[in-house]
Amino acid sequence: MPPRFDLQSHSTHSDGVLPATEVVQLAADAGVELLALSDHDTIGGVSEAITAGERLGVRVVPAVEISAVDAGSAVPRELHILGYCIDHTGQVMTERLTDFLADREKRTLRMRDALREVGFDLDEAEIEQRIAEGKPIGRPHLAGAVLRAPANAERLQSESIDDVGSLIRGYLIEGKPAFRLRETPTVAEAIEAIHEAGGVAIWAHPFWDIADDGEVLDSLERFAALGIDGVEAFYITHDERQTRLLATRAAELGMLSTGSADFHGPENRQFSQFMAFETFGIEPNLGPIA
């Protein structure tokens, strides 16, 4: 039996609301034995999380979640590639993430400009502070900037937007007016960076980003050809059919199958509880991560 695991969580180093130590504390309180702090495009909180885990009896896997462009799909889209067991203190991943973060920041600022173009005011104090501190900025920070600006209140109410998630869904995902695609890294480059840092590469939450079964399975096979090591089959929003589909194909391809509840904070509407995902009786294959 694998340990009680949850292989995605986020801290204030990216778009979570708690410091890394507090994330690990809550995971320990929930009974997690194997945890990954997988902040977006940064490993800034990993050492802190590992130290907290040693104190609290939780094994913390060095991890990162890299946003990447799937240039091989019919319509280029942004997907997330998780890297586990990486050398988080080495030069390779540090340098790669510096480059990736620069593009992430440029893309986020393009989306900021697009929000202004569609008529929103933004309270940018948090964004400016994060940039000054060298921390990544992303869609949640843009959404927060829109929500905090008093001039937007009447419009947001009329559009039934009352939190970060609803603002992102309304304006900052593919097909919405303020979405802008990243330029780099590609999925292949993300996989390569993870492997160069000694890690294993996993495609995160496929059905969060792609609805069509066939497209998900075709993408997984394309990524297998690029050297990806596994897929996050067990995820808080995946239903039983989606989970079984992913776990079965991963087994056929000789891939790992991992899982998470994608913790972002205790008040988050969707990602607030550790281990809040189902395996539906399927045995995960965590490989070297476990």
C-alpha atoms as a PDB file:
ATOM      1  CA  MET A   1       0.000   0.000   0.000  1.00  0.00           C
ATOM      2  CA  PRO A   2       1.308   3.476  -0.838  1.00  0.00           C
ATOM      3  CA  PRO A   3       1.621   6.041   1.944  1.00  0.00           C
ATOM      4  CA  ARG A   4      -1.214   8.503   2.480  1.00  0.00           C
ATOM      5  CA  PHE A   5      -0.230  10.995  -0.196  1.00  0.00           C
ATOM      6  CA  ASP A   6      -1.160  14.319  -1.735  1.00  0.00           C
ATOM      7  CA  LEU A   7       1.199  15.354  -4.497  1.00  0.00           C
ATOM      8  CA  GLN A   8       0.173  18.928  -5.224  1.00  0.00           C
ATOM      9  CA  SER A   9      -0.017  21.870  -2.866  1.00  0.00           C
ATOM     10  CA  HIS A  10       0.699  25.568  -3.163  1.00  0.00           C
ATOM     11  CA  SER A  11       2.075  28.240  -0.852  1.00  0.00           C
ATOM     12  CA  THR A  12       2.529  32.001  -0.935  1.00  0.00           C
ATOM     13  CA  HIS A  13       5.540  31.387  -3.158  1.00  0.00           C
ATOM     14  CA  SER A  14       3.015  31.058  -6.000  1.00  0.00           C
ATOM     15  CA  ASP A  15      -0.789  31.215  -5.759  1.00  0.00           C
ATOM     16  CA  GLY A  16      -1.442  29.645  -2.353  1.00  0.00           C
ATOM     17  CA  VAL A  17      -2.468  31.726   0.656  1.00  0.00           C
ATOM     18  CA  LEU A  18      -0.285  30.144   3.372  1.00  0.00           C
ATOM     19  CA  PRO A  19       3.483  30.039   3.915  1.00  0.00           C
ATOM     20  CA  ALA A  20       5.115  26.716   3.075  1.00  0.00           C
ATOM     21  CA  THR A  21       5.543  25.718   6.728  1.00  0.00           C
ATOM     22  CA  GLU A  22       1.838  26.206   7.410  1.00  0.00           C
ATOM     23  CA  VAL A  23       0.913  24.172   4.330  1.00  0.00           C
ATOM     24  CA  VAL A  24       2.953  21.272   5.681  1.00  0.00           C
ATOM     25  CA  GLN A  25       1.438  21.706   9.136  1.00  0.00           C
ATOM     26  CA  LEU A  26      -2.102  21.443   7.754  1.00  0.00           C
ATOM     27  CA  ALA A  27      -1.099  18.419   5.680  1.00  0.00           C
ATOM     28  CA  ALA A  28       0.277  16.747   8.790  1.00  0.00           C
ATOM     29  CA  ASP A  29      -2.913  17.560  10.689  1.00  0.00           C
ATOM     30  CA  ALA A  30      -4.891  15.903   7.870  1.00  0.00           C
ATOM     31  CA  GLY A  31      -2.827  12.721   8.085  1.00  0.00           C
ATOM     32  CA  VAL A  32      -0.755  13.174   4.927  1.00  0.00           C
ATOM     33  CA  GLU A  33       2.408  11.063   5.001  1.00  0.00           C
ATOM     34  CA  LEU A  34       3.837  11.940   1.574  1.00  0.00           C
ATOM     35  CA  LEU A  35       3.441  15.546   0.365  1.00  0.00           C
ATOM     36  CA  ALA A  36       4.620  17.650  -2.549  1.00  0.00           C
ATOM     37  CA  LEU A  37       4.828  21.424  -2.360  1.00  0.00           C
ATOM     38  CA  SER A  38       4.438  22.125  -6.080  1.00  0.00           C
ATOM     39  CA  ASP A  39       4.381  25.882  -6.482  1.00  0.00           C
ATOM     40  CA  HIS A  40       4.001  27.261  -9.993  1.00  0.00           C
ATOM     41  CA  ASP A  41       7.328  27.795 -11.767  1.00  0.00           C
ATOM     42  CA  THR A  42       9.250  28.208  -8.505  1.00  0.00           C
ATOM     43  CA  ILE A  43      11.059  26.036  -5.982  1.00  0.00           C
ATOM     44  CA  GLY A  44      11.387  28.884  -3.493  1.00  0.00           C
ATOM     45  CA  GLY A  45       9.438  27.141  -0.718  1.00  0.00           C
ATOM     46  CA  VAL A  46      10.738  23.599  -1.109  1.00  0.00           C
ATOM     47  CA  SER A  47      13.582  23.704   1.411  1.00  0.00           C
ATOM     48  CA  GLU A  48      11.310  25.324   3.993  1.00  0.00           C
ATOM     49  CA  ALA A  49       8.685  22.646   3.387  1.00  0.00           C
ATOM     50  CA  ILE A  50      11.198  19.799   3.700  1.00  0.00           C
ATOM     51  CA  THR A  51      12.458  21.197   7.013  1.00  0.00           C
ATOM     52  CA  ALA A  52       8.887  21.490   8.322  1.00  0.00           C
ATOM     53  CA  GLY A  53       8.138  17.968   7.142  1.00  0.00           C
ATOM     54  CA  GLU A  54      11.116  16.547   9.025  1.00  0.00           C
ATOM     55  CA  ARG A  55       9.811  18.164  12.192  1.00  0.00           C
ATOM     56  CA  LEU A  56       6.214  17.082  11.652  1.00  0.00           C
ATOM     57  CA  GLY A  57       6.747  13.556  10.366  1.00  0.00           C
ATOM     58  CA  VAL A  58       5.715  14.257   6.754  1.00  0.00           C
ATOM     59  CA  ARG A  59       7.991  13.278   3.880  1.00  0.00           C
ATOM     60  CA  VAL A  60       8.060  16.233   1.487  1.00  0.00           C
ATOM     61  CA  VAL A  61       9.055  15.479  -2.102  1.00  0.00           C
ATOM     62  CA  PRO A  62      10.969  18.270  -3.863  1.00  0.00           C
ATOM     63  CA  ALA A  63       8.570  19.396  -6.605  1.00  0.00           C
ATOM     64  CA  VAL A  64       7.512  22.119  -8.994  1.00  0.00           C
ATOM     65  CA  GLU A  65       4.544  22.703 -11.313  1.00  0.00           C
ATOM     66  CA  ILE A  66       5.677  24.123 -14.647  1.00  0.00           C
ATOM     67  CA  SER A  67       3.220  25.903 -16.930  1.00  0.00           C
ATOM     68  CA  ALA A  68       3.968  24.835 -20.500  1.00  0.00           C
ATOM     69  CA  VAL A  69       2.631  25.379 -24.009  1.00  0.00           C
ATOM     70  CA  ASP A  70       1.399  22.313 -25.877  1.00  0.00           C
ATOM     71  CA  ALA A  71       2.540  23.376 -29.312  1.00  0.00           C
ATOM     72  CA  GLY A  72       1.656  19.977 -30.784  1.00  0.00           C
ATOM     73  CA  SER A  73      -2.101  20.275 -30.329  1.00  0.00           C
ATOM     74  CA  ALA A  74      -4.428  21.508 -33.074  1.00  0.00           C
ATOM     75  CA  VAL A  75      -4.871  24.712 -31.083  1.00  0.00           C
ATOM     76  CA  PRO A  76      -1.888  25.607 -28.848  1.00  0.00           C
ATOM     77  CA  ARG A  77      -2.919  25.515 -25.202  1.00  0.00           C
ATOM     78  CA  GLU A  78      -1.307  25.873 -21.780  1.00  0.00           C
ATOM     79  CA  LEU A  79      -0.905  22.727 -19.692  1.00  0.00           C
ATOM     80  CA  HIS A  80       0.881  21.992 -16.415  1.00  0.00           C
ATOM     81  CA  ILE A  81       3.759  19.561 -15.990  1.00  0.00           C
ATOM     82  CA  LEU A  82       4.703  18.465 -12.478  1.00  0.00           C
ATOM     83  CA  GLY A  83       8.307  17.658 -11.637  1.00  0.00           C
ATOM     84  CA  TYR A  84       8.999  15.392  -8.646  1.00  0.00           C
ATOM     85  CA  CYS A  85      12.233  14.312  -6.948  1.00  0.00           C
ATOM     86  CA  ILE A  86      14.082  17.191  -8.585  1.00  0.00           C
ATOM     87  CA  ASP A  87      17.379  18.566  -7.339  1.00  0.00           C
ATOM     88  CA  HIS A  88      15.872  21.735  -5.931  1.00  0.00           C
ATOM     89  CA  THR A  89      19.210  23.159  -4.816  1.00  0.00           C
ATOM     90  CA  GLY A  90      21.052  22.574  -8.085  1.00  0.00           C
ATOM     91  CA  GLN A  91      21.867  25.062 -10.801  1.00  0.00           C
ATOM     92  CA  VAL A  92      19.942  23.360 -13.611  1.00  0.00           C
ATOM     93  CA  MET A  93      16.403  23.825 -12.324  1.00  0.00           C
ATOM     94  CA  THR A  94      17.164  27.237 -10.850  1.00  0.00           C
ATOM     95  CA  GLU A  95      18.375  28.568 -14.197  1.00  0.00           C
ATOM     96  CA  ARG A  96      15.542  26.988 -16.188  1.00  0.00           C
ATOM     97  CA  LEU A  97      12.894  28.370 -13.854  1.00  0.00           C
ATOM     98  CA  THR A  98      14.427  31.835 -14.030  1.00  0.00           C
ATOM     99  CA  ASP A  99      13.898  31.771 -17.786  1.00  0.00           C
ATOM    100  CA  PHE A 100      10.399  30.294 -17.496  1.00  0.00           C
ATOM    101  CA  LEU A 101       9.371  32.828 -14.861  1.00  0.00           C
ATOM    102  CA  ALA A 102      10.443  35.717 -17.051  1.00  0.00           C
ATOM    103  CA  ASP A 103       8.022  34.558 -19.736  1.00  0.00           C
ATOM    104  CA  ARG A 104       5.302  33.896 -17.145  1.00  0.00           C
ATOM    105  CA  GLU A 105       5.603  37.470 -15.876  1.00  0.00           C
ATOM    106  CA  LYS A 106       5.453  38.920 -19.393  1.00  0.00           C
ATOM    107  CA  ARG A 107       2.333  36.874 -20.159  1.00  0.00           C
ATOM    108  CA  THR A 108       0.669  37.927 -16.904  1.00  0.00           C
ATOM    109  CA  LEU A 109       1.349  41.574 -17.662  1.00  0.00           C
ATOM    110  CA  ARG A 110      -0.130  41.137 -21.143  1.00  0.00           C
ATOM    111  CA  MET A 111      -3.277  39.784 -19.486  1.00  0.00           C
ATOM    112  CA  ARG A 112      -3.247  42.748 -17.078  1.00  0.00           C
ATOM    113  CA  ASP A 113      -3.263  45.078 -20.067  1.00  0.00           C
ATOM    114  CA  ALA A 114      -6.081  43.054 -21.643  1.00  0.00           C
ATOM    115  CA  LEU A 115      -8.192  43.409 -18.479  1.00  0.00           C
ATOM    116  CA  ARG A 116      -7.776  47.159 -18.725  1.00  0.00           C
ATOM    117  CA  GLU A 117      -8.766  47.021 -22.391  1.00  0.00           C
ATOM    118  CA  VAL A 118     -12.082  45.385 -21.471  1.00  0.00           C
ATOM    119  CA  GLY A 119     -12.759  48.146 -18.957  1.00  0.00           C
ATOM    120  CA  PHE A 120     -11.562  46.946 -15.553  1.00  0.00           C
ATOM    121  CA  ASP A 121      -9.635  48.947 -12.980  1.00  0.00           C
ATOM    122  CA  LEU A 122      -6.896  47.087 -11.096  1.00  0.00           C
ATOM    123  CA  ASP A 123      -5.516  47.493  -7.587  1.00  0.00           C
ATOM    124  CA  GLU A 124      -1.948  46.414  -8.346  1.00  0.00           C
ATOM    125  CA  ALA A 125      -0.301  46.813  -4.930  1.00  0.00           C
ATOM    126  CA  GLU A 126       0.103  43.040  -4.387  1.00  0.00           C
ATOM    127  CA  ILE A 127       1.354  42.480  -7.937  1.00  0.00           C
ATOM    128  CA  GLU A 128       3.957  45.221  -7.623  1.00  0.00           C
ATOM    129  CA  GLN A 129       5.107  43.858  -4.266  1.00  0.00           C
ATOM    130  CA  ARG A 130       5.509  40.320  -5.621  1.00  0.00           C
ATOM    131  CA  ILE A 131       7.493  41.563  -8.609  1.00  0.00           C
ATOM    132  CA  ALA A 132       9.748  43.577  -6.276  1.00  0.00           C
ATOM    133  CA  GLU A 133      10.313  40.467  -4.135  1.00  0.00           C
ATOM    134  CA  GLY A 134      11.063  38.270  -7.150  1.00  0.00           C
ATOM    135  CA  LYS A 135       7.964  36.122  -6.618  1.00  0.00           C
ATOM    136  CA  PRO A 136       5.890  34.812  -9.532  1.00  0.00           C
ATOM    137  CA  ILE A 137       2.677  36.508 -10.567  1.00  0.00           C
ATOM    138  CA  GLY A 138      -0.206  34.745 -12.259  1.00  0.00           C
ATOM    139  CA  ARG A 139      -3.910  34.780 -12.955  1.00  0.00           C
ATOM    140  CA  PRO A 140      -5.018  34.609  -9.291  1.00  0.00           C
ATOM    141  CA  HIS A 141      -3.085  37.787  -8.565  1.00  0.00           C
ATOM    142  CA  LEU A 142      -4.678  39.556 -11.542  1.00  0.00           C
ATOM    143  CA  ALA A 143      -8.101  38.389 -10.433  1.00  0.00           C
ATOM    144  CA  GLY A 144      -7.460  39.704  -6.943  1.00  0.00           C
ATOM    145  CA  ALA A 145      -6.404  43.060  -8.364  1.00  0.00           C
ATOM    146  CA  VAL A 146      -9.711  43.337 -10.233  1.00  0.00           C
ATOM    147  CA  LEU A 147     -11.780  42.274  -7.225  1.00  0.00           C
ATOM    148  CA  ARG A 148     -10.105  44.779  -4.901  1.00  0.00           C
ATOM    149  CA  ALA A 149     -10.699  47.798  -7.153  1.00  0.00           C
ATOM    150  CA  PRO A 150     -13.884  49.546  -5.913  1.00  0.00           C
ATOM    151  CA  ALA A 151     -14.755  50.882  -9.361  1.00  0.00           C
ATOM    152  CA  ASN A 152     -15.446  47.343 -10.576  1.00  0.00           C
ATOM    153  CA  ALA A 153     -17.966  46.424  -7.884  1.00  0.00           C
ATOM    154  CA  GLU A 154     -21.188  47.136  -9.788  1.00  0.00           C
ATOM    155  CA  ARG A 155     -20.003  45.396 -12.955  1.00  0.00           C
ATOM    156  CA  LEU A 156     -18.765  42.339 -11.072  1.00  0.00           C
ATOM    157  CA  GLN A 157     -22.072  42.027  -9.245  1.00  0.00           C
ATOM    158  CA  SER A 158     -23.999  42.234 -12.511  1.00  0.00           C
ATOM    159  CA  GLU A 159     -21.826  39.453 -13.961  1.00  0.00           C
ATOM    160  CA  SER A 160     -22.120  37.272 -10.799  1.00  0.00           C
ATOM    161  CA  ILE A 161     -18.367  37.394 -10.232  1.00  0.00           C
ATOM    162  CA  ASP A 162     -17.562  37.356  -6.530  1.00  0.00           C
ATOM    163  CA  ASP A 163     -14.261  35.539  -6.111  1.00  0.00           C
ATOM    164  CA  VAL A 164     -10.941  34.803  -7.799  1.00  0.00           C
ATOM    165  CA  GLY A 165     -12.170  31.613  -9.451  1.00  0.00           C
ATOM    166  CA  SER A 166     -15.206  33.174 -11.076  1.00  0.00           C
ATOM    167  CA  LEU A 167     -13.145  36.108 -12.371  1.00  0.00           C
ATOM    168  CA  ILE A 168     -10.589  33.726 -13.884  1.00  0.00           C
ATOM    169  CA  ARG A 169     -13.312  31.614 -15.496  1.00  0.00           C
ATOM    170  CA  GLY A 170     -14.998  34.709 -16.889  1.00  0.00           C
ATOM    171  CA  TYR A 171     -11.960  36.473 -18.329  1.00  0.00           C
ATOM    172  CA  LEU A 172      -8.627  34.651 -17.941  1.00  0.00           C
ATOM    173  CA  ILE A 173      -8.990  31.148 -19.390  1.00  0.00           C
ATOM    174  CA  GLU A 174      -8.677  30.061 -23.007  1.00  0.00           C
ATOM    175  CA  GLY A 175     -11.376  31.583 -25.165  1.00  0.00           C
ATOM    176  CA  LYS A 176     -12.072  34.456 -22.758  1.00  0.00           C
ATOM    177  CA  PRO A 177     -11.298  38.079 -23.631  1.00  0.00           C
ATOM    178  CA  ALA A 178      -8.264  38.711 -21.410  1.00  0.00           C
ATOM    179  CA  PHE A 179      -6.480  35.363 -21.833  1.00  0.00           C
ATOM    180  CA  ARG A 180      -3.027  35.411 -23.377  1.00  0.00           C
ATOM    181  CA  LEU A 181      -0.915  32.324 -24.109  1.00  0.00           C
ATOM    182  CA  ARG A 182       2.613  31.807 -22.853  1.00  0.00           C
ATOM    183  CA  GLU A 183       5.457  31.560 -25.354  1.00  0.00           C
ATOM    184  CA  THR A 184       7.796  29.249 -23.446  1.00  0.00           C
ATOM    185  CA  PRO A 185       8.456  26.576 -22.237  1.00  0.00           C
ATOM    186  CA  THR A 186       6.892  23.978 -24.456  1.00  0.00           C
ATOM    187  CA  VAL A 187       5.788  20.690 -22.909  1.00  0.00           C
ATOM    188  CA  ALA A 188       8.929  19.078 -24.344  1.00  0.00           C
ATOM    189  CA  GLU A 189      11.128  21.752 -22.754  1.00  0.00           C
ATOM    190  CA  ALA A 190       9.419  21.344 -19.377  1.00  0.00           C
ATOM    191  CA  ILE A 191       9.944  17.567 -19.459  1.00  0.00           C
ATOM    192  CA  GLU A 192      13.568  18.058 -20.448  1.00  0.00           C
ATOM    193  CA  ALA A 193      14.189  20.536 -17.617  1.00  0.00           C
ATOM    194  CA  ILE A 194      12.690  18.153 -15.050  1.00  0.00           C
ATOM    195  CA  HIS A 195      14.772  15.240 -16.307  1.00  0.00           C
ATOM    196  CA  GLU A 196      17.945  17.328 -16.350  1.00  0.00           C
ATOM    197  CA  ALA A 197      17.270  18.134 -12.677  1.00  0.00           C
ATOM    198  CA  GLY A 198      17.037  14.404 -11.894  1.00  0.00           C
ATOM    199  CA  GLY A 199      13.256  14.320 -11.572  1.00  0.00           C
ATOM    200  CA  VAL A 200      10.227  12.581 -13.013  1.00  0.00           C
ATOM    201  CA  ALA A 201       7.717  14.486 -15.142  1.00  0.00           C
ATOM    202  CA  ILE A 202       3.946  14.070 -14.672  1.00  0.00           C
ATOM    203  CA  TRP A 203       1.092  15.643 -16.647  1.00  0.00           C
ATOM    204  CA  ALA A 204      -1.095  17.424 -14.106  1.00  0.00           C
ATOM    205  CA  HIS A 205      -4.929  17.197 -14.023  1.00  0.00           C
ATOM    206  CA  PRO A 206      -5.579  16.466 -17.728  1.00  0.00           C
ATOM    207  CA  PHE A 207      -9.365  16.786 -17.522  1.00  0.00           C
ATOM    208  CA  TRP A 208      -9.109  20.161 -15.811  1.00  0.00           C
ATOM    209  CA  ASP A 209      -7.641  21.563 -19.029  1.00  0.00           C
ATOM    210  CA  ILE A 210      -9.159  19.333 -21.740  1.00  0.00           C
ATOM    211  CA  ALA A 211     -12.728  18.025 -21.739  1.00  0.00           C
ATOM    212  CA  ASP A 212     -12.619  15.546 -24.628  1.00  0.00           C
ATOM    213  CA  ASP A 213     -11.611  11.952 -23.771  1.00  0.00           C
ATOM    214  CA  GLY A 214      -9.989  11.316 -27.124  1.00  0.00           C
ATOM    215  CA  GLU A 215      -7.956  14.496 -27.028  1.00  0.00           C
ATOM    216  CA  VAL A 216      -6.710  13.695 -23.523  1.00  0.00           C
ATOM    217  CA  LEU A 217      -5.610  10.176 -24.506  1.00  0.00           C
ATOM    218  CA  ASP A 218      -4.017  11.359 -27.757  1.00  0.00           C
ATOM    219  CA  SER A 219      -2.134  14.058 -25.839  1.00  0.00           C
ATOM    220  CA  LEU A 220      -0.934  11.542 -23.276  1.00  0.00           C
ATOM    221  CA  GLU A 221       0.500   9.354 -26.026  1.00  0.00           C
ATOM    222  CA  ARG A 222       2.206  12.364 -27.648  1.00  0.00           C
ATOM    223  CA  PHE A 223       3.730  13.283 -24.295  1.00  0.00           C
ATOM    224  CA  ALA A 224       4.860   9.683 -23.783  1.00  0.00           C
ATOM    225  CA  ALA A 225       6.823  10.017 -27.005  1.00  0.00           C
ATOM    226  CA  LEU A 226       8.430  13.153 -25.527  1.00  0.00           C
ATOM    227  CA  GLY A 227       9.531  11.149 -22.488  1.00  0.00           C
ATOM    228  CA  ILE A 228       6.942  12.056 -19.879  1.00  0.00           C
ATOM    229  CA  ASP A 229       6.915   9.639 -16.951  1.00  0.00           C
ATOM    230  CA  GLY A 230       3.281   9.666 -15.850  1.00  0.00           C
ATOM    231  CA  VAL A 231      -0.061  11.339 -15.423  1.00  0.00           C
ATOM    232  CA  GLU A 232      -2.059  12.710 -12.504  1.00  0.00           C
ATOM    233  CA  ALA A 233      -4.927  10.234 -12.844  1.00  0.00           C
ATOM    234  CA  PHE A 234      -6.375  10.839  -9.367  1.00  0.00           C
ATOM    235  CA  TYR A 235      -7.524  14.436  -8.989  1.00  0.00           C
ATOM    236  CA  ILE A 236     -10.173  16.241  -7.009  1.00  0.00           C
ATOM    237  CA  THR A 237     -12.242  17.186 -10.089  1.00  0.00           C
ATOM    238  CA  HIS A 238     -11.798  13.916 -12.003  1.00  0.00           C
ATOM    239  CA  ASP A 239     -14.853  11.674 -11.907  1.00  0.00           C
ATOM    240  CA  GLU A 240     -14.658   7.873 -11.822  1.00  0.00           C
ATOM    241  CA  ARG A 241     -14.850   7.451 -15.590  1.00  0.00           C
ATOM    242  CA  GLN A 242     -12.055   9.977 -16.191  1.00  0.00           C
ATOM    243  CA  THR A 243      -9.919   8.460 -13.438  1.00  0.00           C
ATOM    244  CA  ARG A 244     -10.265   4.906 -14.752  1.00  0.00           C
ATOM    245  CA  LEU A 245      -9.572   6.064 -18.306  1.00  0.00           C
ATOM    246  CA  LEU A 246      -6.319   7.748 -17.269  1.00  0.00           C
ATOM    247  CA  ALA A 247      -5.161   5.003 -14.905  1.00  0.00           C
ATOM    248  CA  THR A 248      -5.807   2.310 -17.507  1.00  0.00           C
ATOM    249  CA  ARG A 249      -3.953   4.107 -20.284  1.00  0.00           C
ATOM    250  CA  ALA A 250      -1.068   4.972 -17.941  1.00  0.00           C
ATOM    251  CA  ALA A 251      -0.709   1.290 -17.058  1.00  0.00           C
ATOM    252  CA  GLU A 252      -0.793   0.318 -20.747  1.00  0.00           C
ATOM    253  CA  LEU A 253       1.956   2.833 -21.495  1.00  0.00           C
ATOM    254  CA  GLY A 254       4.054   1.793 -18.476  1.00  0.00           C
ATOM    255  CA  MET A 255       3.564   5.183 -16.846  1.00  0.00           C
ATOM    256  CA  LEU A 256       3.238   6.349 -13.264  1.00  0.00           C
ATOM    257  CA  SER A 257      -0.193   7.410 -11.984  1.00  0.00           C
ATOM    258  CA  THR A 258      -0.259  10.021  -9.229  1.00  0.00           C
ATOM    259  CA  GLY A 259      -2.889  12.102  -7.457  1.00  0.00           C
ATOM    260  CA  SER A 260      -3.670  15.253  -5.510  1.00  0.00           C
ATOM    261  CA  ALA A 261      -6.344  17.557  -4.150  1.00  0.00           C
ATOM    262  CA  ASP A 262      -4.286  20.579  -5.300  1.00  0.00           C
ATOM    263  CA  PHE A 263      -4.420  22.425  -1.958  1.00  0.00           C
ATOM    264  CA  HIS A 264      -4.347  26.238  -2.291  1.00  0.00           C
ATOM    265  CA  GLY A 265      -5.712  27.300   1.099  1.00  0.00           C
ATOM    266  CA  PRO A 266      -8.320  26.431   3.721  1.00  0.00           C
ATOM    267  CA  GLU A 267     -10.804  29.038   2.429  1.00  0.00           C
ATOM    268  CA  ASN A 268     -10.501  28.115  -1.243  1.00  0.00           C
ATOM    269  CA  ARG A 269     -13.865  27.058  -2.668  1.00  0.00           C
ATOM    270  CA  GLN A 270     -12.523  23.997  -4.461  1.00  0.00           C
ATOM    271  CA  PHE A 271      -8.944  23.278  -3.381  1.00  0.00           C
ATOM    272  CA  SER A 272      -9.140  23.490   0.406  1.00  0.00           C
ATOM    273  CA  GLN A 273      -8.752  19.953   1.804  1.00  0.00           C
ATOM    274  CA  PHE A 274      -5.864  17.535   1.629  1.00  0.00           C
ATOM    275  CA  MET A 275      -6.459  14.084   0.116  1.00  0.00           C
ATOM    276  CA  ALA A 276      -9.917  15.143  -1.127  1.00  0.00           C
ATOM    277  CA  PHE A 277      -9.555  13.013  -4.253  1.00  0.00           C
ATOM    278  CA  GLU A 278     -10.759   9.503  -5.040  1.00  0.00           C
ATOM    279  CA  THR A 279      -8.813   6.504  -6.283  1.00  0.00           C
ATOM    280  CA  PHE A 280     -12.008   4.449  -6.845  1.00  0.00           C
ATOM    281  CA  GLY A 281     -10.192   1.352  -5.672  1.00  0.00           C
ATOM    282  CA  ILE A 282      -7.412   1.691  -8.262  1.00  0.00           C
ATOM    283  CA  GLU A 283      -3.856   1.226  -7.020  1.00  0.00           C
ATOM    284  CA  PRO A 284      -1.721   4.324  -7.761  1.00  0.00           C
ATOM    285  CA  ASN A 285       1.717   3.796  -9.231  1.00  0.00           C
ATOM    286  CA  LEU A 286       3.931   6.400  -7.588  1.00  0.00           C
ATOM    287  CA  GLY A 287       7.215   4.769  -8.577  1.00  0.00           C
ATOM    288  CA  PRO A 288      10.280   6.616  -7.248  1.00  0.00           C
ATOM    289  CA  ILE A 289       8.084   9.393  -5.790  1.00  0.00           C
ATOM    290  CA  ALA A 290       7.053   7.006  -2.993  1.00  0.00           C
END
